[in-house]
Amino acid sequence: MNSHLVVEHCGQTLWLLADKAIYWPARHTLLVADVHIGKAASYRALHQPVPRGTTEATLARLDALLAAYDCRQLVILGDFIHARTARAPNTLARLREWRSRHDGLQIVLIRGNHDRHAGDPPAELSIEVIDQPWLLAPFALQHEPTAHPEHPVLAGHVHPVYLLRGRARQKLRLPCFVLDARLSLLPAFGEFTGGYTVAPGDETRVFVTGDGQVWALGG
């Protein structure tokens, strides 16, 4: 199973992970975007019938990636906690329990639009929170997908998906990485997130994920 794909991007070796994250081996860093902890709880607070267990599933996937790769740092490209209503006691308790399993891990959150609404994570989670861009050479790490004048950007926010079309009018929307020399996108990591269909240009590389695999579009 091709659980990750090694690519060269902007002079760096990056591993595109099937579980919608990037491992940067030179920095021992795991990059994720749009985690949206507590989104389902926020919807239930609005009396919407949505599934339970999405926070546990998201944190379990993070556990698995942190165990599988030599990670000294986790960088979240925005939208960690979904909203103020997501800060329910049970959700925060799960986050504290999860953090206790990774107490030696440096975690950096680059504020996204949902983070500005939800507020910064509780101090006991020991998460460094900064505004974009965060320059980690050679990249500008951001939530919003806006070009940086000097550095190639890795960003989230869009929740990119690619529409695959088959014979007999079949359609399949899959999360994807979008790599471009100036502005690249990570798929949303969270369990309970939608997706925006992207139509990349000729100079852009697209890598789709599904069924525990990641592969290059057209590869």
Protein backbone atom coordinates (compact mmCIF):
# COMPACT_ATOMS: atom_id res chain seq x y z
CA MET A 1 0.00 0.00 0.00
CA ASN A 2 1.39 3.40 -1.00
CA SER A 3 0.65 5.12 2.34
CA HIS A 4 2.93 8.01 1.41
CA LEU A 5 4.49 9.47 -1.69
CA VAL A 6 7.89 11.19 -1.67
CA VAL A 7 8.06 14.37 -3.74
CA GLU A 8 10.59 17.10 -4.31
CA HIS A 9 9.08 20.55 -3.86
CA CYS A 10 10.87 23.90 -3.74
CA GLY A 11 14.17 22.18 -3.03
CA GLN A 12 12.77 20.10 -0.15
CA THR A 13 11.87 16.43 0.15
CA LEU A 14 8.30 16.11 1.40
CA TRP A 15 6.28 13.00 2.12
CA LEU A 16 2.64 13.33 1.11
CA LEU A 17 0.74 11.07 3.49
CA ALA A 18 -2.42 9.21 2.54
CA ASP A 19 -3.95 10.39 5.80
CA LYS A 20 -4.03 13.99 4.50
CA ALA A 21 -0.86 15.34 6.08
CA ILE A 22 2.71 16.15 5.05
CA TYR A 23 5.82 14.83 6.76
CA TRP A 24 8.91 17.01 6.29
CA PRO A 25 11.81 14.71 7.21
CA ALA A 26 14.55 17.36 7.20
CA ARG A 27 12.64 19.22 9.93
CA HIS A 28 11.14 16.14 11.66
CA THR A 29 7.86 18.00 11.25
CA LEU A 30 4.29 16.89 10.62
CA LEU A 31 2.06 19.41 8.84
CA VAL A 32 -1.73 19.27 8.97
CA ALA A 33 -4.44 21.79 8.09
CA ASP A 34 -8.06 22.35 9.05
CA VAL A 35 -8.43 19.92 11.94
CA HIS A 36 -11.76 21.43 13.08
CA ILE A 37 -11.88 19.81 16.51
CA GLY A 38 -15.41 19.90 17.91
CA LYS A 39 -17.16 20.73 14.65
CA ALA A 40 -19.73 17.99 15.11
CA ALA A 41 -20.41 19.16 18.67
CA SER A 42 -20.96 22.68 17.34
CA TYR A 43 -23.54 21.38 14.90
CA ARG A 44 -25.26 19.37 17.61
CA ALA A 45 -25.46 22.55 19.69
CA LEU A 46 -27.56 23.89 16.81
CA HIS A 47 -29.76 20.79 17.04
CA GLN A 48 -28.37 19.31 13.84
CA PRO A 49 -28.25 15.47 13.65
CA VAL A 50 -24.57 14.83 12.94
CA PRO A 51 -22.38 11.84 13.84
CA ARG A 52 -20.58 11.51 17.16
CA GLY A 53 -17.01 10.37 17.66
CA THR A 54 -15.36 12.58 15.05
CA THR A 55 -13.03 14.27 17.56
CA GLU A 56 -11.82 10.90 18.85
CA ALA A 57 -11.29 9.67 15.29
CA THR A 58 -9.33 12.77 14.31
CA LEU A 59 -7.08 12.58 17.39
CA ALA A 60 -6.55 8.84 16.88
CA ARG A 61 -5.34 9.51 13.34
CA LEU A 62 -2.93 12.13 14.66
CA ASP A 63 -1.71 9.60 17.23
CA ALA A 64 -1.04 7.07 14.49
CA LEU A 65 0.92 9.53 12.35
CA LEU A 66 3.01 10.78 15.26
CA ALA A 67 3.84 7.17 16.13
CA ALA A 68 4.68 6.22 12.55
CA TYR A 69 7.01 9.12 11.74
CA ASP A 70 9.91 10.70 13.62
CA CYS A 71 8.10 13.89 14.62
CA ARG A 72 9.58 16.51 16.88
CA GLN A 73 7.16 19.21 15.80
CA LEU A 74 3.52 19.38 14.74
CA VAL A 75 2.44 22.42 12.72
CA ILE A 76 -1.27 23.06 12.29
CA LEU A 77 -2.05 25.34 9.36
CA GLY A 78 -5.11 26.88 10.93
CA ASP A 79 -8.59 25.98 12.13
CA PHE A 80 -7.69 23.72 15.04
CA ILE A 81 -10.83 24.25 17.16
CA HIS A 82 -13.92 24.79 15.05
CA ALA A 83 -15.88 27.40 17.07
CA ARG A 84 -16.58 28.69 20.56
CA THR A 85 -19.38 26.14 20.87
CA ALA A 86 -16.78 23.41 20.20
CA ARG A 87 -15.07 24.18 23.50
CA ALA A 88 -17.38 21.83 25.39
CA PRO A 89 -15.95 20.28 28.57
CA ASN A 90 -15.86 16.78 27.07
CA THR A 91 -14.05 17.99 23.96
CA LEU A 92 -11.45 19.93 25.97
CA ALA A 93 -10.94 16.91 28.23
CA ARG A 94 -10.20 14.74 25.21
CA LEU A 95 -7.72 17.33 23.96
CA ARG A 96 -5.93 17.42 27.33
CA GLU A 97 -5.73 13.63 27.38
CA TRP A 98 -4.38 13.60 23.82
CA ARG A 99 -1.79 16.27 24.63
CA SER A 100 -0.58 14.30 27.65
CA ARG A 101 0.38 11.47 25.31
CA HIS A 102 2.67 13.85 23.38
CA ASP A 103 4.04 16.10 26.10
CA GLY A 104 7.47 16.31 24.47
CA LEU A 105 6.11 17.42 21.11
CA GLN A 106 6.37 21.05 20.03
CA ILE A 107 3.04 22.16 18.57
CA VAL A 108 2.59 25.35 16.58
CA LEU A 109 -0.81 26.62 15.45
CA ILE A 110 -1.03 29.27 12.76
CA ARG A 111 -4.29 31.09 13.42
CA GLY A 112 -7.04 30.54 10.88
CA ASN A 113 -10.43 32.15 10.51
CA HIS A 114 -12.10 29.58 12.79
CA ASP A 115 -9.36 29.99 15.41
CA ARG A 116 -10.05 33.72 15.55
CA HIS A 117 -13.69 32.93 16.29
CA ALA A 118 -13.06 30.01 18.67
CA GLY A 119 -10.21 31.63 20.58
CA ASP A 120 -6.76 30.22 21.20
CA PRO A 121 -6.47 26.70 22.64
CA PRO A 122 -6.34 26.50 26.46
CA ALA A 123 -2.89 27.30 27.84
CA GLU A 124 -2.54 23.84 29.42
CA LEU A 125 -2.33 22.34 25.91
CA SER A 126 1.07 24.09 25.47
CA ILE A 127 0.39 25.06 21.87
CA GLU A 128 2.29 28.04 20.48
CA VAL A 129 -0.15 30.20 18.53
CA ILE A 130 1.01 32.68 15.92
CA ASP A 131 -0.41 34.73 13.07
CA GLN A 132 0.48 33.98 9.48
CA PRO A 133 2.88 33.80 7.85
CA TRP A 134 5.30 31.68 9.82
CA LEU A 135 8.56 31.52 7.91
CA LEU A 136 10.18 28.10 8.13
CA ALA A 137 12.71 28.18 5.31
CA PRO A 138 12.11 27.89 2.49
CA PHE A 139 8.34 28.06 3.07
CA ALA A 140 5.84 30.57 4.36
CA LEU A 141 3.40 28.47 6.39
CA GLN A 142 -0.08 29.97 6.37
CA HIS A 143 -3.76 29.27 6.76
CA GLU A 144 -5.06 31.63 4.11
CA PRO A 145 -3.95 30.71 0.57
CA THR A 146 -2.41 34.02 -0.38
CA ALA A 147 0.91 34.32 -2.18
CA HIS A 148 3.94 35.55 -0.24
CA PRO A 149 6.25 38.02 -2.00
CA GLU A 150 9.43 36.08 -1.18
CA HIS A 151 8.62 32.50 -0.12
CA PRO A 152 6.61 29.61 -1.54
CA VAL A 153 3.47 29.09 0.54
CA LEU A 154 2.03 25.96 2.14
CA ALA A 155 -1.55 26.69 3.20
CA GLY A 156 -4.89 25.22 4.20
CA HIS A 157 -8.37 26.79 4.38
CA VAL A 158 -9.64 25.59 0.99
CA HIS A 159 -10.19 21.89 1.86
CA PRO A 160 -9.22 20.97 -1.73
CA VAL A 161 -10.78 17.97 -3.45
CA TYR A 162 -10.43 16.77 -7.02
CA LEU A 163 -13.29 15.44 -9.11
CA LEU A 164 -12.45 12.18 -10.87
CA ARG A 165 -14.75 11.26 -13.74
CA GLY A 166 -15.18 7.73 -15.00
CA ARG A 167 -17.10 6.02 -17.71
CA ALA A 168 -20.89 5.85 -17.47
CA ARG A 169 -20.86 9.29 -15.80
CA GLN A 170 -19.32 8.10 -12.51
CA LYS A 171 -17.93 10.86 -10.34
CA LEU A 172 -15.68 10.63 -7.28
CA ARG A 173 -14.49 13.57 -5.19
CA LEU A 174 -11.22 12.84 -3.36
CA PRO A 175 -9.14 15.02 -1.03
CA CYS A 176 -5.97 16.23 -2.70
CA PHE A 177 -2.69 18.02 -2.27
CA VAL A 178 -2.12 20.87 -4.72
CA LEU A 179 1.56 21.71 -5.25
CA ASP A 180 2.61 24.85 -7.06
CA ALA A 181 5.86 26.80 -7.10
CA ARG A 182 4.19 29.79 -5.39
CA LEU A 183 1.12 28.53 -3.53
CA SER A 184 0.39 24.97 -2.40
CA LEU A 185 -2.59 23.54 -0.53
CA LEU A 186 -3.03 20.73 1.99
CA PRO A 187 -6.28 18.79 2.24
CA ALA A 188 -8.41 19.19 5.36
CA PHE A 189 -7.29 16.77 8.05
CA GLY A 190 -10.44 16.72 10.19
CA GLU A 191 -12.98 13.91 10.04
CA PHE A 192 -16.03 16.14 9.63
CA THR A 193 -15.10 18.59 6.88
CA GLY A 194 -16.39 19.38 3.44
CA GLY A 195 -14.33 20.03 0.34
CA TYR A 196 -13.94 22.56 -2.44
CA THR A 197 -13.38 21.20 -5.92
CA VAL A 198 -10.19 22.63 -7.41
CA ALA A 199 -9.32 23.04 -11.07
CA PRO A 200 -5.53 23.44 -11.09
CA GLY A 201 -3.57 24.95 -13.95
CA ASP A 202 -1.06 23.28 -16.22
CA GLU A 203 1.92 24.10 -13.98
CA THR A 204 0.30 22.65 -10.86
CA ARG A 205 0.76 19.12 -9.56
CA VAL A 206 -2.20 17.35 -7.96
CA PHE A 207 -1.97 14.31 -5.68
CA VAL A 208 -5.19 12.62 -4.60
CA THR A 209 -5.74 10.46 -1.53
CA GLY A 210 -8.12 7.60 -0.96
CA ASP A 211 -8.31 4.06 0.38
CA GLY A 212 -5.07 4.47 2.30
CA GLN A 213 -3.08 5.56 -0.74
CA VAL A 214 -1.79 8.75 -2.36
CA TRP A 215 -0.96 9.04 -6.04
CA ALA A 216 -0.14 11.66 -8.63
CA LEU A 217 -2.94 12.70 -10.91
CA GLY A 218 -2.12 11.34 -14.31
CA GLY A 219 0.63 9.17 -12.81
